[in-house]
C-alpha atoms as a PDB file:
ATOM      1  CA  MET A   1       0.002  -0.039  -0.003  1.00  0.00           C
ATOM      2  CA  ALA A   2       1.464   3.386  -1.072  1.00  0.00           C
ATOM      3  CA  THR A   3       1.772   6.138   1.377  1.00  0.00           C
ATOM      4  CA  GLU A   4      -0.169   9.286   0.714  1.00  0.00           C
ATOM      5  CA  PRO A   5       1.721  12.585   0.779  1.00  0.00           C
ATOM      6  CA  PRO A   6       1.051  14.809   3.688  1.00  0.00           C
ATOM      7  CA  PRO A   7      -1.546  17.483   3.246  1.00  0.00           C
ATOM      8  CA  PRO A   8      -0.346  20.960   2.313  1.00  0.00           C
ATOM      9  CA  ASN A   9       0.315  23.524   5.073  1.00  0.00           C
ATOM     10  CA  LEU A  10      -2.564  25.944   5.567  1.00  0.00           C
ATOM     11  CA  ASP A  11      -0.259  29.043   5.561  1.00  0.00           C
ATOM     12  CA  ASP A  12       1.078  27.864   2.142  1.00  0.00           C
ATOM     13  CA  ILE A  13      -2.464  27.617   0.691  1.00  0.00           C
ATOM     14  CA  GLU A  14      -3.362  31.038   2.079  1.00  0.00           C
ATOM     15  CA  ARG A  15      -0.222  32.606   0.496  1.00  0.00           C
ATOM     16  CA  ARG A  16      -0.849  31.020  -2.831  1.00  0.00           C
ATOM     17  CA  LEU A  17      -4.570  32.249  -2.747  1.00  0.00           C
ATOM     18  CA  LYS A  18      -3.311  35.794  -2.033  1.00  0.00           C
ATOM     19  CA  GLN A  19      -1.040  35.621  -5.013  1.00  0.00           C
ATOM     20  CA  ALA A  20      -3.757  34.197  -7.352  1.00  0.00           C
ATOM     21  CA  ARG A  21      -6.445  36.846  -6.289  1.00  0.00           C
ATOM     22  CA  PRO A  22      -6.199  40.345  -7.783  1.00  0.00           C
ATOM     23  CA  GLU A  23      -5.913  43.175  -5.375  1.00  0.00           C
ATOM     24  CA  PRO A  24      -9.222  45.122  -5.129  1.00  0.00           C
ATOM     25  CA  VAL A  25      -9.205  48.691  -6.488  1.00  0.00           C
ATOM     26  CA  ARG A  26      -9.973  51.198  -3.837  1.00  0.00           C
ATOM     27  CA  ASP A  27     -10.943  54.620  -4.993  1.00  0.00           C
ATOM     28  CA  GLY A  28     -13.092  57.224  -3.331  1.00  0.00           C
ATOM     29  CA  ALA A  29     -16.077  56.653  -5.859  1.00  0.00           C
ATOM     30  CA  ASP A  30     -17.566  53.742  -3.784  1.00  0.00           C
ATOM     31  CA  ALA A  31     -18.016  55.777  -0.700  1.00  0.00           C
ATOM     32  CA  ALA A  32     -19.431  58.731  -2.620  1.00  0.00           C
ATOM     33  CA  ASP A  33     -21.884  56.681  -4.634  1.00  0.00           C
ATOM     34  CA  ARG A  34     -23.313  54.560  -1.764  1.00  0.00           C
ATOM     35  CA  PRO A  35     -25.845  57.136  -0.476  1.00  0.00           C
ATOM     36  CA  ARG A  36     -26.989  57.809  -3.993  1.00  0.00           C
ATOM     37  CA  ALA A  37     -27.497  54.164  -4.686  1.00  0.00           C
ATOM     38  CA  MET A  38     -29.309  53.640  -1.416  1.00  0.00           C
ATOM     39  CA  GLY A  39     -31.639  56.444  -2.286  1.00  0.00           C
ATOM     40  CA  MET A  40     -32.415  54.961  -5.638  1.00  0.00           C
ATOM     41  CA  ALA A  41     -33.066  51.505  -4.009  1.00  0.00           C
ATOM     42  CA  PHE A  42     -35.351  53.094  -1.516  1.00  0.00           C
ATOM     43  CA  ARG A  43     -37.194  54.969  -4.157  1.00  0.00           C
ATOM     44  CA  VAL A  44     -37.701  51.867  -6.402  1.00  0.00           C
ATOM     45  CA  SER A  45     -38.943  49.855  -3.398  1.00  0.00           C
ATOM     46  CA  VAL A  46     -41.458  52.645  -2.349  1.00  0.00           C
ATOM     47  CA  GLU A  47     -42.694  53.066  -5.980  1.00  0.00           C
ATOM     48  CA  LEU A  48     -43.462  49.295  -6.258  1.00  0.00           C
ATOM     49  CA  VAL A  49     -44.911  48.829  -2.794  1.00  0.00           C
ATOM     50  CA  SER A  50     -47.052  51.983  -3.013  1.00  0.00           C
ATOM     51  CA  ALA A  51     -48.496  51.064  -6.409  1.00  0.00           C
ATOM     52  CA  LEU A  52     -49.463  47.534  -5.075  1.00  0.00           C
ATOM     53  CA  ALA A  53     -51.015  49.074  -1.906  1.00  0.00           C
ATOM     54  CA  VAL A  54     -53.111  51.690  -3.937  1.00  0.00           C
ATOM     55  CA  GLY A  55     -54.227  48.857  -6.395  1.00  0.00           C
ATOM     56  CA  VAL A  56     -55.210  46.511  -3.638  1.00  0.00           C
ATOM     57  CA  GLY A  57     -56.875  49.351  -1.664  1.00  0.00           C
ATOM     58  CA  LEU A  58     -58.922  50.492  -4.571  1.00  0.00           C
ATOM     59  CA  GLY A  59     -59.840  46.924  -5.477  1.00  0.00           C
ATOM     60  CA  TRP A  60     -61.031  46.329  -1.950  1.00  0.00           C
ATOM     61  CA  LEU A  61     -63.080  49.532  -2.011  1.00  0.00           C
ATOM     62  CA  ILE A  62     -64.699  48.490  -5.306  1.00  0.00           C
ATOM     63  CA  ASP A  63     -65.484  45.035  -3.998  1.00  0.00           C
ATOM     64  CA  TYR A  64     -66.932  46.496  -0.732  1.00  0.00           C
ATOM     65  CA  TRP A  65     -69.129  48.973  -2.784  1.00  0.00           C
ATOM     66  CA  LEU A  66     -70.241  46.561  -5.429  1.00  0.00           C
ATOM     67  CA  GLY A  67     -70.280  43.360  -3.313  1.00  0.00           C
ATOM     68  CA  THR A  68     -68.346  41.434  -6.043  1.00  0.00           C
ATOM     69  CA  GLY A  69     -66.084  39.440  -3.677  1.00  0.00           C
ATOM     70  CA  PRO A  70     -62.446  39.393  -4.336  1.00  0.00           C
ATOM     71  CA  TRP A  71     -62.480  39.920  -8.062  1.00  0.00           C
ATOM     72  CA  ALA A  72     -61.927  43.640  -8.261  1.00  0.00           C
ATOM     73  CA  MET A  73     -59.109  43.350  -5.694  1.00  0.00           C
ATOM     74  CA  VAL A  74     -57.354  40.652  -7.829  1.00  0.00           C
ATOM     75  CA  VAL A  75     -57.704  42.607 -10.975  1.00  0.00           C
ATOM     76  CA  MET A  76     -56.540  45.826  -9.263  1.00  0.00           C
ATOM     77  CA  PHE A  77     -53.685  43.955  -7.692  1.00  0.00           C
ATOM     78  CA  PHE A  78     -52.256  43.022 -11.103  1.00  0.00           C
ATOM     79  CA  LEU A  79     -52.962  46.621 -12.423  1.00  0.00           C
ATOM     80  CA  GLY A  80     -51.054  48.009  -9.367  1.00  0.00           C
ATOM     81  CA  ALA A  81     -48.199  45.567  -9.977  1.00  0.00           C
ATOM     82  CA  ALA A  82     -47.994  46.619 -13.619  1.00  0.00           C
ATOM     83  CA  ALA A  83     -48.123  50.261 -12.607  1.00  0.00           C
ATOM     84  CA  GLY A  84     -45.410  49.732  -9.968  1.00  0.00           C
ATOM     85  CA  MET A  85     -43.098  48.029 -12.631  1.00  0.00           C
ATOM     86  CA  LEU A  86     -43.716  50.830 -15.005  1.00  0.00           C
ATOM     87  CA  ASN A  87     -42.773  53.346 -12.364  1.00  0.00           C
ATOM     88  CA  VAL A  88     -39.655  51.366 -11.548  1.00  0.00           C
ATOM     89  CA  TYR A  89     -38.768  51.221 -15.231  1.00  0.00           C
ATOM     90  CA  ARG A  90     -39.187  54.929 -15.588  1.00  0.00           C
ATOM     91  CA  ALA A  91     -37.086  55.629 -12.463  1.00  0.00           C
ATOM     92  CA  VAL A  92     -34.253  53.313 -13.696  1.00  0.00           C
ATOM     93  CA  GLU A  93     -34.443  54.492 -17.267  1.00  0.00           C
ATOM     94  CA  GLY A  94     -32.637  57.746 -16.469  1.00  0.00           C
ATOM     95  CA  LEU A  95     -29.644  55.698 -14.970  1.00  0.00           C
ATOM     96  CA  GLY A  96     -28.730  54.127 -18.321  1.00  0.00           C
ATOM     97  CA  PHE A  97     -30.142  50.765 -17.254  1.00  0.00           C
ATOM     98  CA  GLY A  98     -33.376  51.156 -19.226  1.00  0.00           C
ATOM     99  CA  ARG A  99     -33.937  51.024 -22.950  1.00  0.00           C
ATOM    100  CA  TRP A 100     -32.397  54.522 -23.429  1.00  0.00           C
ATOM    101  CA  SER A 101     -30.218  56.510 -21.065  1.00  0.00           C
ATOM    102  CA  LYS A 102     -31.298  60.105 -20.879  1.00  0.00           C
ATOM    103  CA  ASP A 103     -28.824  61.475 -23.442  1.00  0.00           C
ATOM    104  CA  GLN A 104     -29.079  58.752 -25.916  1.00  0.00           C
ATOM    105  CA  GLY A 105     -32.933  58.533 -25.496  1.00  0.00           C
ATOM    106  CA  LEU A 106     -33.527  62.168 -26.279  1.00  0.00           C
ATOM    107  CA  LYS A 107     -31.342  61.903 -29.412  1.00  0.00           C
ATOM    108  CA  ASP A 108     -33.154  58.783 -30.547  1.00  0.00           C
ATOM    109  CA  ARG A 109     -36.625  60.298 -29.804  1.00  0.00           C
ATOM    110  CA  THR A 110     -35.886  63.538 -31.738  1.00  0.00           C
ATOM    111  CA  LYS A 111     -34.625  61.539 -34.687  1.00  0.00           C
ATOM    112  CA  GLU A 112     -37.838  59.519 -34.718  1.00  0.00           C
ATOM    113  CA  GLU A 113     -40.051  62.665 -34.652  1.00  0.00           C
ATOM    114  CA  ASP A 114     -38.313  64.248 -37.670  1.00  0.00           C
END
């Protein structure tokens, strides 16, 4: 029976991993962009949740008024979800993540109107 080689030293493995991994680039942009990104994330979540809440609330009121059961609330839930996604798309569109960024979108839209 052949003898197995001893396992590598953990310090040696850690040293080799540090050599293989690239050093992270540290510039001041991360710290400056963090509040702006958190603000956008908060805005997107509020837009989506508020559209759903308004849709469900209106659906519940319509159901209560007409006595139709949960049907208006279900329909208004989906309409609220669609409105929330549209609001999120409009909010993100200006960041360059949507179909057009602000600069490019304005140029494309003016060309289409001509």
